[in-house]
Protein backbone atom coordinates (compact mmCIF):
# COMPACT_ATOMS: atom_id res chain seq x y z
CA MET A 1 -0.01 0.05 0.00
CA THR A 2 1.37 3.41 -1.00
CA PRO A 3 1.95 5.62 1.90
CA PRO A 4 0.35 9.06 2.05
CA LEU A 5 2.15 12.16 0.60
CA LEU A 6 1.35 13.99 3.85
CA GLU A 7 0.15 12.66 7.06
CA VAL A 8 -0.91 14.64 10.18
CA GLY A 9 -0.97 12.35 13.30
CA GLY A 10 -2.56 13.32 16.41
CA VAL A 11 -1.64 16.95 16.19
CA THR A 12 -2.78 19.17 19.04
CA LYS A 13 -1.99 22.89 19.71
CA ARG A 14 -2.39 25.07 22.73
CA PHE A 15 -1.92 28.75 23.03
CA GLY A 16 -1.58 29.28 26.78
CA GLY A 17 -4.88 28.02 28.20
CA LEU A 18 -6.53 27.81 24.88
CA GLN A 19 -6.52 24.51 22.80
CA VAL A 20 -7.09 25.20 19.21
CA LEU A 21 -6.43 21.72 17.87
CA ARG A 22 -7.33 18.45 19.51
CA GLY A 23 -5.65 15.37 18.11
CA VAL A 24 -6.20 16.10 14.36
CA ASN A 25 -5.60 13.22 12.07
CA LEU A 26 -5.56 13.83 8.24
CA SER A 27 -3.72 12.30 5.20
CA ILE A 28 -3.69 13.00 1.56
CA GLY A 29 -1.93 10.89 -1.17
CA ALA A 30 -0.02 12.14 -4.21
CA GLY A 31 -2.27 13.72 -6.75
CA GLU A 32 -5.38 13.72 -4.33
CA LEU A 33 -7.50 16.64 -3.37
CA ARG A 34 -9.17 17.40 0.00
CA CYS A 35 -11.46 20.27 1.02
CA ILE A 36 -11.46 21.28 4.58
CA ILE A 37 -14.54 23.12 5.92
CA GLY A 38 -15.66 24.13 9.19
CA PRO A 39 -16.83 27.27 10.95
CA ASN A 40 -14.55 30.17 11.83
CA GLY A 41 -12.26 29.39 14.82
CA CYS A 42 -12.39 25.62 14.29
CA GLY A 43 -8.58 25.29 13.69
CA LYS A 44 -8.24 25.20 9.97
CA THR A 45 -5.87 27.89 9.55
CA THR A 46 -3.88 26.70 12.62
CA LEU A 47 -3.51 23.40 10.93
CA PHE A 48 -2.11 24.92 7.91
CA ASN A 49 0.34 26.88 10.09
CA ILE A 50 1.61 23.75 11.66
CA ILE A 51 2.00 21.73 8.42
CA THR A 52 3.99 24.65 6.99
CA GLY A 53 6.19 25.19 10.08
CA ALA A 54 4.80 28.58 10.95
CA PHE A 55 3.77 27.10 14.41
CA PRO A 56 5.25 24.05 16.17
CA PRO A 57 2.60 21.65 17.29
CA THR A 58 2.06 21.12 21.13
CA SER A 59 1.99 17.33 20.45
CA GLY A 60 1.65 15.12 17.29
CA THR A 61 3.60 14.63 14.05
CA VAL A 62 3.65 15.97 10.45
CA ARG A 63 5.12 13.55 7.96
CA PHE A 64 5.87 14.23 4.30
CA ARG A 65 6.71 11.23 2.13
CA VAL A 66 6.98 9.24 5.50
CA GLU A 67 9.85 11.60 6.69
CA ASP A 68 9.07 13.36 9.99
CA ILE A 69 9.04 17.13 9.33
CA THR A 70 7.36 18.20 12.58
CA GLY A 71 8.62 21.68 13.62
CA ARG A 72 10.93 22.30 10.82
CA PRO A 73 11.32 25.97 9.73
CA PRO A 74 8.94 27.16 6.97
CA HIS A 75 11.76 27.67 4.32
CA ALA A 76 12.82 23.91 4.94
CA ILE A 77 9.29 22.62 4.55
CA SER A 78 8.78 24.84 1.35
CA ARG A 79 11.81 23.43 -0.20
CA LEU A 80 10.45 19.87 0.11
CA GLY A 81 7.45 20.86 -2.07
CA ILE A 82 4.82 22.05 0.31
CA ALA A 83 3.50 25.33 -0.91
CA ARG A 84 1.03 27.45 0.66
CA LYS A 85 -1.28 30.16 -0.71
CA PHE A 86 -2.77 32.72 1.62
CA GLN A 87 -6.16 34.47 1.14
CA VAL A 88 -4.40 37.74 0.09
CA PRO A 89 -2.49 36.94 -3.09
CA GLY A 90 1.35 37.12 -2.44
CA ILE A 91 2.57 38.43 -5.81
CA TYR A 92 5.09 41.02 -6.74
CA PRO A 93 2.77 43.92 -7.85
CA THR A 94 5.30 46.13 -9.45
CA LEU A 95 6.98 43.39 -11.73
CA ALA A 96 5.57 42.10 -14.88
CA VAL A 97 3.32 38.84 -14.62
CA ALA A 98 5.83 36.90 -16.54
CA GLU A 99 8.62 38.06 -14.10
CA ASN A 100 6.58 37.02 -11.11
CA VAL A 101 6.38 33.37 -12.66
CA GLU A 102 9.98 33.47 -13.66
CA ILE A 103 11.41 34.19 -10.25
CA PRO A 104 10.36 30.92 -8.54
CA LEU A 105 10.86 28.99 -11.82
CA LEU A 106 14.53 29.97 -11.73
CA SER A 107 15.35 30.32 -8.04
CA ARG A 108 14.17 26.68 -7.44
CA HIS A 109 17.24 25.50 -9.14
CA GLY A 110 19.62 27.78 -7.56
CA LEU A 111 21.97 30.77 -8.68
CA ALA A 112 23.35 29.08 -11.64
CA ALA A 113 19.90 28.59 -13.16
CA MET A 114 18.93 32.14 -12.48
CA LEU A 115 21.98 33.28 -14.39
CA ARG A 116 21.44 30.95 -17.25
CA ALA A 117 17.81 30.84 -18.30
CA ASP A 118 17.43 28.50 -21.40
CA ALA A 119 14.83 27.24 -23.83
CA ARG A 120 13.51 24.85 -21.52
CA THR A 121 12.81 27.56 -19.03
CA ASP A 122 11.22 29.71 -21.52
CA THR A 123 8.99 26.70 -22.61
CA ARG A 124 7.87 26.08 -19.11
CA LEU A 125 7.17 29.83 -18.39
CA HIS A 126 4.97 30.13 -21.39
CA GLY A 127 3.23 26.93 -20.68
CA LEU A 128 2.48 28.05 -17.04
CA LEU A 129 1.27 31.53 -18.41
CA THR A 130 -1.02 29.67 -20.93
CA ARG A 131 -2.30 27.22 -18.35
CA PHE A 132 -3.36 29.85 -15.94
CA ARG A 133 -4.76 32.08 -18.66
CA LEU A 134 -2.22 34.74 -18.11
CA ARG A 135 -0.27 34.81 -21.32
CA PRO A 136 -2.16 37.82 -22.84
CA HIS A 137 -1.07 39.75 -19.65
CA ALA A 138 2.62 38.61 -19.55
CA LEU A 139 4.08 42.06 -19.82
CA ARG A 140 1.65 43.87 -17.58
CA ALA A 141 2.51 44.75 -14.04
CA ALA A 142 0.91 42.15 -11.91
CA GLY A 143 -0.55 44.67 -9.53
CA VAL A 144 -2.92 45.93 -11.98
CA LEU A 145 -4.57 42.41 -12.66
CA PRO A 146 -8.13 41.80 -11.51
CA HIS A 147 -8.43 39.97 -8.16
CA GLY A 148 -9.11 36.49 -9.64
CA GLN A 149 -6.16 36.74 -12.05
CA LYS A 150 -3.94 37.67 -9.06
CA GLN A 151 -5.07 34.50 -7.36
CA TRP A 152 -4.20 32.40 -10.42
CA LEU A 153 -0.91 33.93 -10.65
CA GLU A 154 0.06 33.20 -7.26
CA ILE A 155 -0.97 29.49 -7.79
CA ALA A 156 1.10 29.63 -11.07
CA MET A 157 4.17 30.82 -8.95
CA LEU A 158 3.74 27.99 -6.58
CA ILE A 159 3.74 25.42 -9.34
CA ALA A 160 6.75 27.19 -10.87
CA SER A 161 8.43 26.33 -7.55
CA ASP A 162 7.97 22.59 -8.10
CA ALA A 163 5.27 22.28 -5.41
CA GLN A 164 4.00 18.86 -4.93
CA ILE A 165 1.12 19.66 -2.59
CA LEU A 166 -0.62 23.03 -2.45
CA LEU A 167 -2.27 24.48 0.71
CA LEU A 168 -4.76 26.76 -0.53
CA ASP A 169 -6.56 29.03 1.86
CA GLU A 170 -9.99 30.21 0.30
CA PRO A 171 -8.56 30.58 -3.17
CA THR A 172 -11.84 31.77 -4.52
CA ALA A 173 -12.47 34.54 -2.09
CA GLY A 174 -13.45 37.59 -3.83
CA MET A 175 -13.98 35.93 -7.18
CA SER A 176 -16.88 36.15 -9.61
CA ALA A 177 -18.97 33.12 -10.39
CA ALA A 178 -17.02 32.68 -13.72
CA GLU A 179 -13.66 32.99 -12.06
CA THR A 180 -14.62 30.46 -9.44
CA SER A 181 -15.62 27.97 -12.14
CA ALA A 182 -12.26 28.47 -13.92
CA THR A 183 -10.55 27.99 -10.52
CA VAL A 184 -12.16 24.52 -10.22
CA GLU A 185 -11.07 23.47 -13.62
CA LEU A 186 -7.49 24.78 -13.02
CA ILE A 187 -7.14 22.89 -9.81
CA ARG A 188 -8.53 19.87 -11.58
CA GLN A 189 -6.06 20.22 -14.38
CA LEU A 190 -3.02 20.52 -12.03
CA GLN A 191 -4.20 17.30 -10.36
CA HIS A 192 -4.71 15.16 -13.60
CA GLU A 193 -2.03 16.61 -15.71
CA HIS A 194 0.75 17.43 -13.20
CA GLY A 195 -0.08 15.00 -10.34
CA VAL A 196 -0.32 17.94 -7.82
CA ALA A 197 -2.11 17.35 -4.55
CA ALA A 198 -3.98 20.03 -2.76
CA LEU A 199 -5.60 20.77 0.66
CA VAL A 200 -8.18 23.52 0.29
CA ILE A 201 -9.70 25.47 2.95
CA GLU A 202 -13.02 26.79 1.50
CA HIS A 203 -16.29 28.30 2.80
CA ASP A 204 -17.96 28.32 -0.53
CA MET A 205 -19.96 25.21 -0.64
CA ASN A 206 -20.67 25.53 -4.38
CA PHE A 207 -17.03 25.47 -5.05
CA VAL A 208 -16.67 22.51 -2.61
CA ARG A 209 -19.41 20.67 -4.57
CA ARG A 210 -18.11 21.32 -7.97
CA LEU A 211 -14.56 20.23 -7.02
CA ALA A 212 -16.03 16.90 -6.29
CA CYS A 213 -13.41 15.49 -3.81
CA PRO A 214 -13.49 14.16 -0.19
CA VAL A 215 -14.50 16.81 2.21
CA VAL A 216 -12.80 17.02 5.87
CA VAL A 217 -15.20 18.61 8.28
CA MET A 218 -13.55 20.37 11.33
CA LEU A 219 -15.33 21.52 14.45
CA ARG A 220 -13.81 22.77 17.71
CA GLY A 221 -10.25 21.76 16.81
CA THR A 222 -10.89 18.14 15.63
CA VAL A 223 -11.96 16.43 12.54
CA LEU A 224 -15.69 15.65 12.98
CA PHE A 225 -16.26 13.80 9.76
CA GLU A 226 -14.80 13.00 6.31
CA GLY A 227 -16.56 11.94 3.29
CA GLY A 228 -17.97 12.92 -0.05
CA TYR A 229 -20.09 16.10 -0.49
CA ALA A 230 -23.33 14.26 -0.44
CA GLU A 231 -22.38 12.51 2.71
CA VAL A 232 -21.41 15.73 4.42
CA GLN A 233 -24.71 17.29 3.46
CA ALA A 234 -26.47 14.38 4.83
CA HIS A 235 -24.68 14.06 8.06
CA PRO A 236 -26.88 15.40 11.00
CA GLU A 237 -24.04 16.58 13.18
CA VAL A 238 -22.38 18.46 10.24
CA ARG A 239 -25.72 20.01 9.27
CA LEU A 240 -26.23 21.26 12.65
CA ALA A 241 -22.81 22.50 13.40
CA TYR A 242 -21.84 23.91 10.04
CA LEU A 243 -24.71 24.32 7.69
CA GLY A 244 -26.99 25.57 10.46
CA HIS A 245 -29.81 22.95 10.60
CA ALA A 246 -30.29 19.42 11.45
CA ALA A 247 -31.03 16.60 8.87
CA GLY A 248 -34.70 16.75 8.15
CA GLY A 249 -35.12 20.24 9.50
């Protein structure tokens, strides 16, 4: 049996007397998708912080490709191929769109590669710009892009850094319906064509439904339930705690 790409085991987190995570267990395989839903304050963002090394857990482990990476610094975890996207796009607004993608594309392979861009680099750059619908805007300053395209640009930058798993925090926040639909398509393409895995925190249940992947429901710092979208909708505790009404109510 193939081991998970990422495995969170029994993770807890306390901030003084406040326990934010209570024995969270979660795993995801290479090329898989998971949506994480739950009310504000249930621990979703804290979980991402622990996976990416921003916070150390109080107890428990985080493993990537079986290797224990618990408590490693963020830059070391990022180098392994775990990339996080925050709600606010982390782009270089004064640089051209193409330059934003080129920086992680070259820096991933060290100084020598940065000084020696070649045809393969150009091909991958153009491929990423095309994939993320940004090629017509390649020479524009990234800061003038509409919000949805800024979100796509940041995801393109993460893929350019050779990310193997994306941690996406509300990637469709502020997007139009058309942009949200396109984002579903992009994530699916990254999964099927590039084998990229993704953990997605999302409040937009229409987006969760359309992504059609397993859903992890968090409540009060623990995983309440994991299953398909229809199972989540039908689960009485989930409906009461998150969707606001009990089954049949």
